[in-house]
Amino acid sequence: MGLLKFLFIAIAVLWLVRIVFRLIFPWAMRKMAQKVMDNAQQPYQQRNAPYRNHGTRQPDGKIRIDYVPPQNQSKGAKKAGEFVEFEEIKPSAE
């Protein structure tokens, strides 16, 4: 009797797991595919972000700077000493 009861419960649990899996698995796969597609599109959306507002114009007389390059101040050229200009003289073919 105990073996029959165990088999009945095991079959019922497996049957319920199968039904739940059939309902949840497609939904989970759609969510995962959507997340992968969003992650794949994200670099392209960030790269094209400055061009999204191409229809809006800045008022005349206003300047907008998007990028300011860093200032490289090399003090080595100032301390190098004086430079002498020279001309290269090619030897004449005799």
N, C-alpha and C. Protein backbone atom coordinates (compact mmCIF):
# COMPACT_ATOMS: atom_id res chain seq x y z
N MET A 1 0.82 -1.20 0.00
CA MET A 1 0.00 0.00 0.00
C MET A 1 0.87 1.26 0.00
N GLY A 2 1.97 1.23 0.75
CA GLY A 2 2.86 2.39 0.83
C GLY A 2 3.52 2.69 -0.51
N LEU A 3 3.88 1.63 -1.26
CA LEU A 3 4.51 1.83 -2.57
C LEU A 3 3.52 2.43 -3.55
N LEU A 4 2.29 1.99 -3.51
CA LEU A 4 1.26 2.53 -4.40
C LEU A 4 0.98 3.99 -4.09
N LYS A 5 0.95 4.34 -2.81
CA LYS A 5 0.73 5.73 -2.41
C LYS A 5 1.91 6.60 -2.87
N PHE A 6 3.16 6.13 -2.70
CA PHE A 6 4.35 6.86 -3.14
C PHE A 6 4.32 7.08 -4.65
N LEU A 7 3.99 6.05 -5.43
CA LEU A 7 3.94 6.19 -6.89
C LEU A 7 2.86 7.18 -7.31
N PHE A 8 1.72 7.14 -6.67
CA PHE A 8 0.64 8.08 -7.00
C PHE A 8 1.06 9.53 -6.73
N ILE A 9 1.69 9.77 -5.57
CA ILE A 9 2.13 11.13 -5.23
C ILE A 9 3.25 11.57 -6.17
N ALA A 10 4.19 10.69 -6.47
CA ALA A 10 5.30 11.04 -7.37
C ALA A 10 4.78 11.38 -8.76
N ILE A 11 3.87 10.61 -9.28
CA ILE A 11 3.31 10.88 -10.61
C ILE A 11 2.53 12.18 -10.60
N ALA A 12 1.77 12.45 -9.54
CA ALA A 12 1.01 13.70 -9.45
C ALA A 12 1.94 14.90 -9.39
N VAL A 13 3.00 14.82 -8.61
CA VAL A 13 3.94 15.92 -8.50
C VAL A 13 4.64 16.15 -9.83
N LEU A 14 5.11 15.11 -10.48
CA LEU A 14 5.76 15.26 -11.79
C LEU A 14 4.81 15.84 -12.83
N TRP A 15 3.54 15.43 -12.78
CA TRP A 15 2.55 15.95 -13.72
C TRP A 15 2.32 17.45 -13.48
N LEU A 16 2.24 17.87 -12.20
CA LEU A 16 2.07 19.29 -11.88
C LEU A 16 3.30 20.10 -12.29
N VAL A 17 4.48 19.55 -12.05
CA VAL A 17 5.72 20.24 -12.45
C VAL A 17 5.74 20.42 -13.96
N ARG A 18 5.32 19.41 -14.69
CA ARG A 18 5.29 19.50 -16.16
C ARG A 18 4.34 20.59 -16.63
N ILE A 19 3.17 20.69 -16.03
CA ILE A 19 2.20 21.72 -16.41
C ILE A 19 2.73 23.12 -16.09
N VAL A 20 3.28 23.27 -14.88
CA VAL A 20 3.82 24.58 -14.49
C VAL A 20 4.99 24.94 -15.40
N PHE A 21 5.84 23.98 -15.72
CA PHE A 21 6.99 24.22 -16.59
C PHE A 21 6.54 24.66 -17.98
N ARG A 22 5.48 24.05 -18.49
CA ARG A 22 4.95 24.44 -19.82
C ARG A 22 4.40 25.87 -19.82
N LEU A 23 3.90 26.32 -18.69
CA LEU A 23 3.36 27.68 -18.61
C LEU A 23 4.46 28.71 -18.37
N ILE A 24 5.43 28.41 -17.53
CA ILE A 24 6.43 29.39 -17.12
C ILE A 24 7.62 29.44 -18.08
N PHE A 25 8.04 28.33 -18.65
CA PHE A 25 9.24 28.29 -19.49
C PHE A 25 9.16 29.23 -20.70
N PRO A 26 8.08 29.25 -21.48
CA PRO A 26 8.03 30.19 -22.61
C PRO A 26 8.09 31.66 -22.16
N TRP A 27 7.43 31.98 -21.06
CA TRP A 27 7.46 33.35 -20.55
C TRP A 27 8.88 33.73 -20.12
N ALA A 28 9.58 32.81 -19.43
CA ALA A 28 10.95 33.08 -18.99
C ALA A 28 11.89 33.23 -20.19
N MET A 29 11.70 32.45 -21.22
CA MET A 29 12.55 32.56 -22.41
C MET A 29 12.32 33.88 -23.14
N ARG A 30 11.07 34.33 -23.22
CA ARG A 30 10.78 35.63 -23.84
C ARG A 30 11.43 36.76 -23.07
N LYS A 31 11.35 36.71 -21.74
CA LYS A 31 11.98 37.74 -20.90
C LYS A 31 13.49 37.74 -21.09
N MET A 32 14.08 36.55 -21.13
CA MET A 32 15.53 36.45 -21.29
C MET A 32 15.96 36.95 -22.67
N ALA A 33 15.21 36.62 -23.71
CA ALA A 33 15.54 37.09 -25.06
C ALA A 33 15.40 38.61 -25.15
N GLN A 34 14.38 39.16 -24.51
CA GLN A 34 14.20 40.62 -24.51
C GLN A 34 15.36 41.30 -23.80
N LYS A 35 15.82 40.73 -22.70
CA LYS A 35 16.95 41.30 -21.96
C LYS A 35 18.23 41.26 -22.80
N VAL A 36 18.46 40.17 -23.50
CA VAL A 36 19.64 40.05 -24.36
C VAL A 36 19.57 41.07 -25.49
N MET A 37 18.40 41.25 -26.09
CA MET A 37 18.25 42.22 -27.17
C MET A 37 18.47 43.64 -26.66
N ASP A 38 17.96 43.95 -25.47
CA ASP A 38 18.17 45.28 -24.90
C ASP A 38 19.65 45.54 -24.64
N ASN A 39 20.36 44.54 -24.11
CA ASN A 39 21.79 44.69 -23.86
C ASN A 39 22.57 44.85 -25.16
N ALA A 40 22.12 44.19 -26.23
CA ALA A 40 22.81 44.30 -27.51
C ALA A 40 22.57 45.67 -28.15
N GLN A 41 21.41 46.28 -27.93
CA GLN A 41 21.09 47.57 -28.53
C GLN A 41 21.63 48.74 -27.72
N GLN A 42 21.98 48.53 -26.48
CA GLN A 42 22.40 49.63 -25.60
C GLN A 42 23.62 50.38 -26.11
N PRO A 43 24.70 49.74 -26.60
CA PRO A 43 25.84 50.53 -27.09
C PRO A 43 25.47 51.42 -28.28
N TYR A 44 24.59 50.95 -29.14
CA TYR A 44 24.20 51.75 -30.31
C TYR A 44 23.34 52.94 -29.90
N GLN A 45 22.52 52.75 -28.87
CA GLN A 45 21.69 53.86 -28.41
C GLN A 45 22.56 54.93 -27.75
N GLN A 46 23.60 54.53 -27.02
CA GLN A 46 24.48 55.50 -26.38
C GLN A 46 25.32 56.23 -27.42
N ARG A 47 25.75 55.53 -28.48
CA ARG A 47 26.58 56.14 -29.50
C ARG A 47 25.79 57.18 -30.30
N ASN A 48 24.51 56.95 -30.53
CA ASN A 48 23.70 57.85 -31.33
C ASN A 48 22.95 58.87 -30.49
N ALA A 49 23.22 58.94 -29.19
CA ALA A 49 22.49 59.85 -28.30
C ALA A 49 22.63 61.31 -28.71
N PRO A 50 23.82 61.83 -29.13
CA PRO A 50 23.89 63.25 -29.49
C PRO A 50 23.04 63.60 -30.72
N TYR A 51 22.74 62.62 -31.55
CA TYR A 51 22.01 62.90 -32.79
C TYR A 51 20.51 62.76 -32.63
N ARG A 52 20.04 62.34 -31.47
CA ARG A 52 18.60 62.17 -31.29
C ARG A 52 17.86 63.50 -31.33
N ASN A 53 18.46 64.55 -30.82
CA ASN A 53 17.80 65.85 -30.76
C ASN A 53 18.20 66.72 -31.94
N HIS A 54 18.37 66.11 -33.11
CA HIS A 54 18.80 66.89 -34.27
C HIS A 54 17.72 67.86 -34.75
N GLY A 55 16.48 67.66 -34.34
CA GLY A 55 15.41 68.57 -34.74
C GLY A 55 15.39 69.84 -33.90
N THR A 56 15.94 69.81 -32.70
CA THR A 56 15.95 70.99 -31.85
C THR A 56 17.18 71.81 -32.17
N ARG A 57 17.02 73.10 -32.23
CA ARG A 57 18.13 74.00 -32.55
C ARG A 57 18.51 74.80 -31.32
N GLN A 58 19.78 75.13 -31.25
CA GLN A 58 20.25 76.02 -30.20
C GLN A 58 19.91 77.45 -30.61
N PRO A 59 19.57 78.31 -29.67
CA PRO A 59 19.31 79.70 -30.01
C PRO A 59 20.58 80.35 -30.57
N ASP A 60 20.39 81.32 -31.46
CA ASP A 60 21.53 82.01 -32.05
C ASP A 60 22.33 82.73 -30.96
N GLY A 61 23.64 82.68 -31.08
CA GLY A 61 24.50 83.34 -30.12
C GLY A 61 24.89 82.47 -28.94
N LYS A 62 24.31 81.30 -28.82
CA LYS A 62 24.65 80.39 -27.72
C LYS A 62 25.62 79.33 -28.25
N ILE A 63 26.64 79.04 -27.47
CA ILE A 63 27.63 78.04 -27.85
C ILE A 63 27.55 76.89 -26.86
N ARG A 64 27.50 75.69 -27.40
CA ARG A 64 27.47 74.50 -26.56
C ARG A 64 28.67 73.64 -26.90
N ILE A 65 29.50 73.33 -25.93
CA ILE A 65 30.69 72.52 -26.14
C ILE A 65 30.43 71.15 -25.51
N ASP A 66 30.48 70.11 -26.36
CA ASP A 66 30.24 68.76 -25.86
C ASP A 66 31.50 68.13 -25.27
N TYR A 67 32.67 68.46 -25.81
CA TYR A 67 33.89 67.79 -25.38
C TYR A 67 35.02 68.80 -25.35
N VAL A 68 35.74 68.83 -24.25
CA VAL A 68 36.91 69.69 -24.13
C VAL A 68 38.10 68.77 -23.92
N PRO A 69 39.05 68.76 -24.87
CA PRO A 69 40.20 67.87 -24.70
C PRO A 69 41.07 68.32 -23.53
N PRO A 70 41.73 67.39 -22.89
CA PRO A 70 42.58 67.77 -21.75
C PRO A 70 43.78 68.59 -22.20
N GLN A 71 44.21 69.51 -21.37
CA GLN A 71 45.36 70.36 -21.67
C GLN A 71 46.63 69.62 -21.30
N ASN A 72 47.51 69.42 -22.27
CA ASN A 72 48.81 68.79 -22.02
C ASN A 72 49.86 69.87 -21.87
N GLN A 73 50.31 70.08 -20.68
CA GLN A 73 51.34 71.08 -20.44
C GLN A 73 52.65 70.35 -20.21
N SER A 74 53.48 70.33 -21.23
CA SER A 74 54.77 69.66 -21.09
C SER A 74 55.81 70.71 -20.73
N LYS A 75 56.38 70.58 -19.56
CA LYS A 75 57.38 71.52 -19.09
C LYS A 75 58.76 71.14 -19.61
N GLY A 76 58.88 69.96 -20.21
CA GLY A 76 60.17 69.50 -20.72
C GLY A 76 60.67 70.36 -21.87
N ALA A 77 59.79 70.85 -22.72
CA ALA A 77 60.20 71.66 -23.86
C ALA A 77 60.70 73.02 -23.39
N LYS A 78 60.18 73.53 -22.30
CA LYS A 78 60.61 74.83 -21.79
C LYS A 78 61.98 74.74 -21.14
N LYS A 79 62.31 73.61 -20.55
CA LYS A 79 63.56 73.44 -19.84
C LYS A 79 64.66 72.84 -20.71
N ALA A 80 64.39 72.58 -21.97
CA ALA A 80 65.36 71.86 -22.81
C ALA A 80 66.54 72.72 -23.19
N GLY A 81 66.48 74.00 -23.09
CA GLY A 81 67.60 74.87 -23.45
C GLY A 81 67.33 75.57 -24.76
N GLU A 82 68.36 76.15 -25.34
CA GLU A 82 68.15 76.87 -26.59
C GLU A 82 68.40 75.94 -27.77
N PHE A 83 67.70 76.23 -28.85
CA PHE A 83 67.80 75.41 -30.03
C PHE A 83 68.53 76.20 -31.11
N VAL A 84 69.34 75.51 -31.89
CA VAL A 84 70.11 76.13 -32.96
C VAL A 84 69.54 75.64 -34.28
N GLU A 85 69.19 76.58 -35.16
CA GLU A 85 68.70 76.21 -36.48
C GLU A 85 69.89 75.84 -37.36
N PHE A 86 69.68 74.88 -38.24
CA PHE A 86 70.76 74.48 -39.13
C PHE A 86 70.18 74.10 -40.47
N GLU A 87 71.04 74.11 -41.49
CA GLU A 87 70.68 73.67 -42.83
C GLU A 87 71.55 72.48 -43.17
N GLU A 88 70.97 71.52 -43.84
CA GLU A 88 71.73 70.37 -44.25
C GLU A 88 72.36 70.66 -45.61
N ILE A 89 73.65 70.48 -45.73
CA ILE A 89 74.37 70.74 -46.97
C ILE A 89 74.73 69.39 -47.56
N LYS A 90 74.28 69.18 -48.80
CA LYS A 90 74.58 67.91 -49.46
C LYS A 90 75.92 68.04 -50.18
N PRO A 91 76.74 67.06 -50.08
CA PRO A 91 78.03 67.15 -50.79
C PRO A 91 77.83 67.08 -52.31
N SER A 92 78.59 67.85 -52.99
CA SER A 92 78.47 67.88 -54.46
C SER A 92 79.18 66.68 -55.06
N ALA A 93 78.62 66.18 -56.11
CA ALA A 93 79.20 65.00 -56.77
C ALA A 93 80.27 65.46 -57.75
N GLU A 94 81.55 65.22 -57.47
CA GLU A 94 82.64 65.61 -58.36
C GLU A 94 83.35 64.45 -58.92
